[in-house]
Each structure stands twice: as C-alpha cells, then as structure tokens.
C-alpha cells in the first residue's frame, strides 16, 4: 500500500552508482529515510524531484524500522526565490542541518511546521538572518537548554535587566553584571519577542543591523556553550555574507 506524506528533504546520502537515500522530515511521521532507486540516472524522472531542499508530497511504501521505498513525488513549492540566491541557499543549508540535529534530540511533531513556516517566510523575501535567529531561539526548547527570559539568571530579579550574556545563560540585572558586554535595551526586548512570536503571523521584519548582529552573536555563542551542536554550514553563512 502506497502512503502519501508531506515532507521536506533535509539531507541525502549516495547509495551505489544510481541510487540514494533521502532523509525527509514529514508532517505525518517525523524523520523518514527513503530509498530512491535509480534516481541518479540521467533518464530518471525523479532525478530532479529528489534533490535536497525539495518540499512536496512523497508517495512511499512505508516500512517501520526500515528504509521506506520512494515511488513518486509531487512538488508543493519550488522555493524559487531561495534557489536563485546563493546566500539564501546557505541559510537553508544551515537550517536543514540544524533541524536534522534538533529532531534527532527531540522527536517532536512541532518541529516540522515550525521549520516549514520559517522556510516559507524566507522564500517570501523576509530577512534570513532574523528568521534563522527566531528558529534558533525556538529550537532551544527542544534541545532542553531554554533561555530564561523572565528574570536575571543570577538573582531572579525581574526588573532592571541590563543585558543578556551567552556565557551566563541569559539576562543579567544591573546588580549582577560584572564585566559582561552591555547590549541595547532593544536587543534585550527583541530576543524575548523572537521567542514568543508566531512565525506564521510575521508579514515584515524591520530591525536595525546593530540589534540583529547582537542577537546573532549571542545565539552563536549560546549554541556553542550549551547545545553541543557544531555545524560547518553555520560558518559558511558568515563567509557568504562577506562576499
């Protein structure tokens, strides 16, 4: 019996000369490995439909505990805007790598719709930096290292918050700050907004470059300090931005 699933190809691995295995994050079953026989052949109709970052309906012979067998694919959205921009592809590459790692840590059915909404907004032209940071913040819950965005990480005070520090793990009030960098009050507020915002409701993003950089720097350090996830695709983004 063929099963239809909605999904997004996060990664692929070659299998022999003409076949490959794709790892598809699906709405219905989470992460599903699919054997794609003969798709690397120039004559295969599925060659272009099984490339990484394909978002579509996948028709498979579902096998529990084993690789499912791919039979066909219907593309839902070709994500043309992203595919026409090497910088956006760099961000999508990182987000796909990150999502794969996050799902392996916590097999939550909330990850697929969250990831997909961010990809859709990026394809609509919204800031890839801000969208990436929003997803990074929301993923911290699934990784078990959530930010405390309600009080000072050291004393628990809820007022007079002065900055946010990655090494400390969150907010610091004016009484607890030592030699940590002081960021703007706007940065402190925007990090909280990133966590609580419904991605689907976002129609525009207008944040200063300074605030955006402060948040991105904080999250890069926080991930390095607390998640154990290191991805070369994150470094690649930085190189692309400098081109």
C-alpha atoms as a PDB file:
ATOM      1  CA  UNK A   1       0.000   0.000   0.000  1.00  0.00           C
ATOM      2  CA  UNK A   2       1.380   3.399  -1.019  1.00  0.00           C
ATOM      3  CA  UNK A   3       1.318   6.132   1.633  1.00  0.00           C
ATOM      4  CA  UNK A   4       1.270   9.864   0.825  1.00  0.00           C
ATOM      5  CA  UNK A   5       3.257  12.140   3.148  1.00  0.00           C
ATOM      6  CA  UNK A   6       4.050  15.855   3.133  1.00  0.00           C
ATOM      7  CA  UNK A   7       7.717  16.492   3.674  1.00  0.00           C
ATOM      8  CA  UNK A   8      10.977  18.332   3.100  1.00  0.00           C
ATOM      9  CA  UNK A   9      14.283  16.708   2.117  1.00  0.00           C
ATOM     10  CA  UNK A  10      16.835  17.652   4.792  1.00  0.00           C
ATOM     11  CA  UNK A  11      19.728  15.519   3.569  1.00  0.00           C
ATOM     12  CA  UNK A  12      20.745  12.803   1.144  1.00  0.00           C
ATOM     13  CA  UNK A  13      23.319  10.001   1.004  1.00  0.00           C
ATOM     14  CA  UNK A  14      24.522   8.241  -2.143  1.00  0.00           C
ATOM     15  CA  UNK A  15      23.715   4.530  -2.379  1.00  0.00           C
ATOM     16  CA  UNK A  16      25.596   2.768  -5.125  1.00  0.00           C
ATOM     17  CA  UNK A  17      26.074   4.333  -8.533  1.00  0.00           C
ATOM     18  CA  UNK A  18      22.477   5.215  -9.386  1.00  0.00           C
ATOM     19  CA  UNK A  19      20.519   5.277  -6.117  1.00  0.00           C
ATOM     20  CA  UNK A  20      20.463   7.324  -2.927  1.00  0.00           C
ATOM     21  CA  UNK A  21      18.767   7.596   0.446  1.00  0.00           C
ATOM     22  CA  UNK A  22      16.977  10.825   1.332  1.00  0.00           C
ATOM     23  CA  UNK A  23      16.095  11.902   4.860  1.00  0.00           C
ATOM     24  CA  UNK A  24      12.724  13.604   4.736  1.00  0.00           C
ATOM     25  CA  UNK A  25      11.171  15.494   7.627  1.00  0.00           C
ATOM     26  CA  UNK A  26       7.470  14.722   7.272  1.00  0.00           C
ATOM     27  CA  UNK A  27       4.320  16.157   8.762  1.00  0.00           C
ATOM     28  CA  UNK A  28       2.859  12.735   9.473  1.00  0.00           C
ATOM     29  CA  UNK A  29       5.762  10.568  10.665  1.00  0.00           C
ATOM     30  CA  UNK A  30       8.647  12.864  11.556  1.00  0.00           C
ATOM     31  CA  UNK A  31      12.005  11.982  10.018  1.00  0.00           C
ATOM     32  CA  UNK A  32      11.695   9.237   7.402  1.00  0.00           C
ATOM     33  CA  UNK A  33      14.546   7.643   5.476  1.00  0.00           C
ATOM     34  CA  UNK A  34      13.558   6.834   1.891  1.00  0.00           C
ATOM     35  CA  UNK A  35      15.391   4.602  -0.578  1.00  0.00           C
ATOM     36  CA  UNK A  36      15.349   6.168  -4.040  1.00  0.00           C
ATOM     37  CA  UNK A  37      16.357   3.511  -6.547  1.00  0.00           C
ATOM     38  CA  UNK A  38      17.844   4.612  -9.866  1.00  0.00           C
ATOM     39  CA  UNK A  39      17.132   8.330  -9.317  1.00  0.00           C
ATOM     40  CA  UNK A  40      20.710   9.420 -10.090  1.00  0.00           C
ATOM     41  CA  UNK A  41      20.354   8.136 -13.638  1.00  0.00           C
ATOM     42  CA  UNK A  42      20.016  10.915 -16.231  1.00  0.00           C
ATOM     43  CA  UNK A  43      16.924   9.152 -17.554  1.00  0.00           C
ATOM     44  CA  UNK A  44      15.129   9.047 -14.189  1.00  0.00           C
ATOM     45  CA  UNK A  45      12.033  11.244 -13.932  1.00  0.00           C
ATOM     46  CA  UNK A  46      12.647  11.507 -10.192  1.00  0.00           C
ATOM     47  CA  UNK A  47      16.207  12.813 -10.534  1.00  0.00           C
ATOM     48  CA  UNK A  48      15.238  16.481 -10.110  1.00  0.00           C
ATOM     49  CA  UNK A  49      12.426  15.680  -7.668  1.00  0.00           C
ATOM     50  CA  UNK A  50      14.679  14.055  -5.089  1.00  0.00           C
ATOM     51  CA  UNK A  51      17.236  16.829  -4.742  1.00  0.00           C
ATOM     52  CA  UNK A  52      17.923  18.254  -1.295  1.00  0.00           C
ATOM     53  CA  UNK A  53      15.531  21.035  -0.180  1.00  0.00           C
ATOM     54  CA  UNK A  54      12.609  19.619  -2.159  1.00  0.00           C
ATOM     55  CA  UNK A  55       9.286  20.338  -0.455  1.00  0.00           C
ATOM     56  CA  UNK A  56       6.448  18.173  -1.656  1.00  0.00           C
ATOM     57  CA  UNK A  57       4.206  15.160  -1.310  1.00  0.00           C
ATOM     58  CA  UNK A  58       6.150  11.895  -1.229  1.00  0.00           C
ATOM     59  CA  UNK A  59       4.482   8.623  -2.217  1.00  0.00           C
ATOM     60  CA  UNK A  60       6.171   5.755  -0.420  1.00  0.00           C
ATOM     61  CA  UNK A  61       5.949   2.155   0.657  1.00  0.00           C
ATOM     62  CA  UNK A  62       6.178   2.884   4.382  1.00  0.00           C
ATOM     63  CA  UNK A  63       8.272   0.425   6.377  1.00  0.00           C
ATOM     64  CA  UNK A  64       8.535   0.610  10.162  1.00  0.00           C
ATOM     65  CA  UNK A  65      12.104   0.449  11.409  1.00  0.00           C
ATOM     66  CA  UNK A  66      13.492   0.249   7.876  1.00  0.00           C
ATOM     67  CA  UNK A  67      14.037   2.498   4.907  1.00  0.00           C
ATOM     68  CA  UNK A  68      10.788   3.294   3.133  1.00  0.00           C
ATOM     69  CA  UNK A  69      10.722   2.958  -0.666  1.00  0.00           C
ATOM     70  CA  UNK A  70      10.043   6.109  -2.660  1.00  0.00           C
ATOM     71  CA  UNK A  71       7.697   5.730  -5.629  1.00  0.00           C
ATOM     72  CA  UNK A  72       6.822   9.294  -6.664  1.00  0.00           C
ATOM     73  CA  UNK A  73       6.993  12.982  -5.700  1.00  0.00           C
ATOM     74  CA  UNK A  74       4.700  15.954  -6.285  1.00  0.00           C
ATOM     75  CA  UNK A  75       6.423  19.295  -5.609  1.00  0.00           C
ATOM     76  CA  UNK A  76       4.305  21.634  -3.472  1.00  0.00           C
ATOM     77  CA  UNK A  77       6.560  24.696  -3.692  1.00  0.00           C
ATOM     78  CA  UNK A  78       9.748  25.011  -5.729  1.00  0.00           C
ATOM     79  CA  UNK A  79      11.061  27.792  -3.419  1.00  0.00           C
ATOM     80  CA  UNK A  80      12.322  29.685  -6.464  1.00  0.00           C
ATOM     81  CA  UNK A  81      13.379  32.810  -4.589  1.00  0.00           C
ATOM     82  CA  UNK A  82      15.664  30.829  -2.287  1.00  0.00           C
ATOM     83  CA  UNK A  83      17.107  28.712  -5.088  1.00  0.00           C
ATOM     84  CA  UNK A  84      18.006  31.817  -7.083  1.00  0.00           C
ATOM     85  CA  UNK A  85      20.134  33.297  -4.287  1.00  0.00           C
ATOM     86  CA  UNK A  86      23.325  31.633  -3.041  1.00  0.00           C
ATOM     87  CA  UNK A  87      23.153  33.422   0.331  1.00  0.00           C
ATOM     88  CA  UNK A  88      19.610  32.196   0.960  1.00  0.00           C
ATOM     89  CA  UNK A  89      20.670  28.688  -0.048  1.00  0.00           C
ATOM     90  CA  UNK A  90      23.436  28.957   2.512  1.00  0.00           C
ATOM     91  CA  UNK A  91      20.906  29.783   5.215  1.00  0.00           C
ATOM     92  CA  UNK A  92      18.582  26.986   4.110  1.00  0.00           C
ATOM     93  CA  UNK A  93      21.516  24.582   4.175  1.00  0.00           C
ATOM     94  CA  UNK A  94      22.265  25.545   7.784  1.00  0.00           C
ATOM     95  CA  UNK A  95      18.629  25.433   8.887  1.00  0.00           C
ATOM     96  CA  UNK A  96      18.206  21.983   7.323  1.00  0.00           C
ATOM     97  CA  UNK A  97      21.327  20.711   9.111  1.00  0.00           C
ATOM     98  CA  UNK A  98      20.170  22.250  12.386  1.00  0.00           C
ATOM     99  CA  UNK A  99      16.653  20.862  12.062  1.00  0.00           C
ATOM    100  CA  UNK A 100      18.028  17.373  11.427  1.00  0.00           C
ATOM    101  CA  UNK A 101      20.109  17.578  14.612  1.00  0.00           C
ATOM    102  CA  UNK A 102      17.279  19.035  16.679  1.00  0.00           C
ATOM    103  CA  UNK A 103      14.848  16.355  15.548  1.00  0.00           C
ATOM    104  CA  UNK A 104      17.302  13.627  16.496  1.00  0.00           C
ATOM    105  CA  UNK A 105      17.411  15.111  20.008  1.00  0.00           C
ATOM    106  CA  UNK A 106      13.659  15.567  20.376  1.00  0.00           C
ATOM    107  CA  UNK A 107      11.243  13.839  18.015  1.00  0.00           C
ATOM    108  CA  UNK A 108       8.517  16.469  18.368  1.00  0.00           C
ATOM    109  CA  UNK A 109       5.741  16.884  15.813  1.00  0.00           C
ATOM    110  CA  UNK A 110       6.021  20.649  16.357  1.00  0.00           C
ATOM    111  CA  UNK A 111       9.384  20.838  14.585  1.00  0.00           C
ATOM    112  CA  UNK A 112       8.106  20.268  11.027  1.00  0.00           C
ATOM    113  CA  UNK A 113       5.516  23.107  10.922  1.00  0.00           C
ATOM    114  CA  UNK A 114       7.901  25.498  12.678  1.00  0.00           C
ATOM    115  CA  UNK A 115      10.747  24.791  10.265  1.00  0.00           C
ATOM    116  CA  UNK A 116       8.454  24.950   7.245  1.00  0.00           C
ATOM    117  CA  UNK A 117       6.982  28.338   8.208  1.00  0.00           C
ATOM    118  CA  UNK A 118      10.474  29.815   8.505  1.00  0.00           C
ATOM    119  CA  UNK A 119      11.425  28.437   5.069  1.00  0.00           C
ATOM    120  CA  UNK A 120       8.243  29.871   3.530  1.00  0.00           C
ATOM    121  CA  UNK A 121       8.862  33.323   5.034  1.00  0.00           C
ATOM    122  CA  UNK A 122      12.447  33.260   3.769  1.00  0.00           C
ATOM    123  CA  UNK A 123      11.178  32.388   0.293  1.00  0.00           C
ATOM    124  CA  UNK A 124       8.836  35.381   0.522  1.00  0.00           C
ATOM    125  CA  UNK A 125      11.830  37.664   0.936  1.00  0.00           C
ATOM    126  CA  UNK A 126      11.949  38.247   4.694  1.00  0.00           C
ATOM    127  CA  UNK A 127      15.337  38.594   6.394  1.00  0.00           C
ATOM    128  CA  UNK A 128      17.152  35.235   6.530  1.00  0.00           C
ATOM    129  CA  UNK A 129      19.274  36.383   9.485  1.00  0.00           C
ATOM    130  CA  UNK A 130      16.287  37.296  11.644  1.00  0.00           C
ATOM    131  CA  UNK A 131      14.289  34.213  10.631  1.00  0.00           C
ATOM    132  CA  UNK A 132      17.272  31.981  11.379  1.00  0.00           C
ATOM    133  CA  UNK A 133      17.689  33.540  14.823  1.00  0.00           C
ATOM    134  CA  UNK A 134      13.970  33.142  15.569  1.00  0.00           C
ATOM    135  CA  UNK A 135      14.154  29.449  14.720  1.00  0.00           C
ATOM    136  CA  UNK A 136      17.361  29.016  16.716  1.00  0.00           C
ATOM    137  CA  UNK A 137      15.713  30.506  19.800  1.00  0.00           C
ATOM    138  CA  UNK A 138      12.588  28.370  19.446  1.00  0.00           C
ATOM    139  CA  UNK A 139      14.663  25.215  18.918  1.00  0.00           C
ATOM    140  CA  UNK A 140      16.331  25.683  22.322  1.00  0.00           C
ATOM    141  CA  UNK A 141      13.189  24.294  23.991  1.00  0.00           C
ATOM    142  CA  UNK A 142      13.521  21.042  22.029  1.00  0.00           C
ATOM    143  CA  UNK A 143      17.207  20.814  22.935  1.00  0.00           C
ATOM    144  CA  UNK A 144      16.473  21.175  26.637  1.00  0.00           C
ATOM    145  CA  UNK A 145      18.502  24.366  27.073  1.00  0.00           C
ATOM    146  CA  UNK A 146      15.783  27.034  27.008  1.00  0.00           C
ATOM    147  CA  UNK A 147      16.583  30.646  27.723  1.00  0.00           C
ATOM    148  CA  UNK A 148      15.229  32.214  30.899  1.00  0.00           C
ATOM    149  CA  UNK A 149      13.590  35.325  29.504  1.00  0.00           C
ATOM    150  CA  UNK A 150      11.657  36.291  32.635  1.00  0.00           C
ATOM    151  CA  UNK A 151      14.339  37.243  35.152  1.00  0.00           C
ATOM    152  CA  UNK A 152      18.024  37.732  35.908  1.00  0.00           C
ATOM    153  CA  UNK A 153      19.856  34.415  35.548  1.00  0.00           C
ATOM    154  CA  UNK A 154      21.851  35.071  38.731  1.00  0.00           C
ATOM    155  CA  UNK A 155      19.458  36.594  41.271  1.00  0.00           C
ATOM    156  CA  UNK A 156      16.000  36.101  39.791  1.00  0.00           C
ATOM    157  CA  UNK A 157      15.177  39.791  39.715  1.00  0.00           C
ATOM    158  CA  UNK A 158      12.547  40.629  37.093  1.00  0.00           C
ATOM    159  CA  UNK A 159      13.249  44.348  36.767  1.00  0.00           C
ATOM    160  CA  UNK A 160      16.294  46.460  35.946  1.00  0.00           C
ATOM    161  CA  UNK A 161      17.514  43.946  33.352  1.00  0.00           C
ATOM    162  CA  UNK A 162      20.604  45.472  31.782  1.00  0.00           C
ATOM    163  CA  UNK A 163      21.963  42.948  29.284  1.00  0.00           C
ATOM    164  CA  UNK A 164      21.950  39.362  28.074  1.00  0.00           C
ATOM    165  CA  UNK A 165      25.041  37.182  28.189  1.00  0.00           C
ATOM    166  CA  UNK A 166      25.665  33.832  26.463  1.00  0.00           C
ATOM    167  CA  UNK A 167      28.235  32.512  28.930  1.00  0.00           C
ATOM    168  CA  UNK A 168      25.944  33.307  31.860  1.00  0.00           C
ATOM    169  CA  UNK A 169      22.992  31.777  30.024  1.00  0.00           C
ATOM    170  CA  UNK A 170      20.506  34.635  29.978  1.00  0.00           C
ATOM    171  CA  UNK A 171      19.509  38.033  31.321  1.00  0.00           C
ATOM    172  CA  UNK A 172      21.590  39.978  33.835  1.00  0.00           C
ATOM    173  CA  UNK A 173      20.272  42.812  36.001  1.00  0.00           C
ATOM    174  CA  UNK A 174      22.190  45.945  36.962  1.00  0.00           C
ATOM    175  CA  UNK A 175      23.229  44.436  40.294  1.00  0.00           C
ATOM    176  CA  UNK A 176      24.599  41.181  38.861  1.00  0.00           C
ATOM    177  CA  UNK A 177      26.527  42.402  35.869  1.00  0.00           C
ATOM    178  CA  UNK A 178      30.323  42.130  36.127  1.00  0.00           C
ATOM    179  CA  UNK A 179      32.419  42.569  33.012  1.00  0.00           C
ATOM    180  CA  UNK A 180      29.823  41.327  30.510  1.00  0.00           C
ATOM    181  CA  UNK A 181      29.100  43.299  27.355  1.00  0.00           C
ATOM    182  CA  UNK A 182      26.096  45.595  27.698  1.00  0.00           C
ATOM    183  CA  UNK A 183      23.731  45.377  24.735  1.00  0.00           C
ATOM    184  CA  UNK A 184      20.948  47.795  23.938  1.00  0.00           C
ATOM    185  CA  UNK A 185      17.577  47.575  25.671  1.00  0.00           C
ATOM    186  CA  UNK A 186      16.108  46.977  22.207  1.00  0.00           C
ATOM    187  CA  UNK A 187      18.239  43.837  21.867  1.00  0.00           C
ATOM    188  CA  UNK A 188      17.043  42.565  25.254  1.00  0.00           C
ATOM    189  CA  UNK A 189      13.410  43.094  24.251  1.00  0.00           C
ATOM    190  CA  UNK A 190      13.763  41.673  20.739  1.00  0.00           C
ATOM    191  CA  UNK A 191      15.220  38.371  21.946  1.00  0.00           C
ATOM    192  CA  UNK A 192      12.081  37.890  24.024  1.00  0.00           C
ATOM    193  CA  UNK A 193       9.926  38.812  21.030  1.00  0.00           C
ATOM    194  CA  UNK A 194      11.793  36.275  18.851  1.00  0.00           C
ATOM    195  CA  UNK A 195      10.895  33.530  21.313  1.00  0.00           C
ATOM    196  CA  UNK A 196       7.201  34.342  21.604  1.00  0.00           C
ATOM    197  CA  UNK A 197       6.353  35.443  18.046  1.00  0.00           C
ATOM    198  CA  UNK A 198       4.155  33.213  15.892  1.00  0.00           C
ATOM    199  CA  UNK A 199       6.191  32.825  12.695  1.00  0.00           C
ATOM    200  CA  UNK A 200       3.040  32.387  10.616  1.00  0.00           C
ATOM    201  CA  UNK A 201       1.840  35.865  11.651  1.00  0.00           C
ATOM    202  CA  UNK A 202       5.018  37.668  10.521  1.00  0.00           C
ATOM    203  CA  UNK A 203       4.484  39.873   7.465  1.00  0.00           C
ATOM    204  CA  UNK A 204       7.512  42.158   7.729  1.00  0.00           C
ATOM    205  CA  UNK A 205      10.732  42.419   9.718  1.00  0.00           C
ATOM    206  CA  UNK A 206      12.352  45.768  10.465  1.00  0.00           C
ATOM    207  CA  UNK A 207      15.213  45.518  12.942  1.00  0.00           C
ATOM    208  CA  UNK A 208      18.416  47.548  12.960  1.00  0.00           C
ATOM    209  CA  UNK A 209      21.628  45.901  11.816  1.00  0.00           C
ATOM    210  CA  UNK A 210      23.184  46.534  15.231  1.00  0.00           C
ATOM    211  CA  UNK A 211      20.412  44.758  17.137  1.00  0.00           C
ATOM    212  CA  UNK A 212      20.299  41.922  14.603  1.00  0.00           C
ATOM    213  CA  UNK A 213      24.071  41.404  14.900  1.00  0.00           C
ATOM    214  CA  UNK A 214      23.958  41.447  18.712  1.00  0.00           C
ATOM    215  CA  UNK A 215      21.260  38.771  18.717  1.00  0.00           C
ATOM    216  CA  UNK A 216      23.050  36.631  16.132  1.00  0.00           C
ATOM    217  CA  UNK A 217      26.338  36.858  18.051  1.00  0.00           C
ATOM    218  CA  UNK A 218      24.588  35.959  21.308  1.00  0.00           C
ATOM    219  CA  UNK A 219      22.891  32.901  19.798  1.00  0.00           C
ATOM    220  CA  UNK A 220      26.069  31.676  18.105  1.00  0.00           C
ATOM    221  CA  UNK A 221      27.876  31.790  21.458  1.00  0.00           C
ATOM    222  CA  UNK A 222      24.913  30.285  23.332  1.00  0.00           C
ATOM    223  CA  UNK A 223      24.694  27.327  20.942  1.00  0.00           C
ATOM    224  CA  UNK A 224      28.447  26.756  21.252  1.00  0.00           C
ATOM    225  CA  UNK A 225      28.238  26.938  25.052  1.00  0.00           C
ATOM    226  CA  UNK A 226      25.107  24.920  25.813  1.00  0.00           C
ATOM    227  CA  UNK A 227      23.880  22.746  22.910  1.00  0.00           C
ATOM    228  CA  UNK A 228      26.879  20.690  21.808  1.00  0.00           C
ATOM    229  CA  UNK A 229      25.818  21.266  18.194  1.00  0.00           C
ATOM    230  CA  UNK A 230      28.574  22.403  15.850  1.00  0.00           C
ATOM    231  CA  UNK A 231      27.736  22.811  12.169  1.00  0.00           C
ATOM    232  CA  UNK A 232      30.132  23.876   9.440  1.00  0.00           C
ATOM    233  CA  UNK A 233      27.157  25.228   7.495  1.00  0.00           C
ATOM    234  CA  UNK A 234      26.862  27.980  10.147  1.00  0.00           C
ATOM    235  CA  UNK A 235      30.419  29.111   9.411  1.00  0.00           C
ATOM    236  CA  UNK A 236      29.681  29.004   5.695  1.00  0.00           C
ATOM    237  CA  UNK A 237      26.904  31.568   6.163  1.00  0.00           C
ATOM    238  CA  UNK A 238      29.386  34.006   7.648  1.00  0.00           C
ATOM    239  CA  UNK A 239      31.705  33.565   4.682  1.00  0.00           C
ATOM    240  CA  UNK A 240      28.849  34.111   2.232  1.00  0.00           C
ATOM    241  CA  UNK A 241      27.776  37.338   3.955  1.00  0.00           C
ATOM    242  CA  UNK A 242      31.286  38.733   3.487  1.00  0.00           C
ATOM    243  CA  UNK A 243      31.317  38.145  -0.275  1.00  0.00           C
END
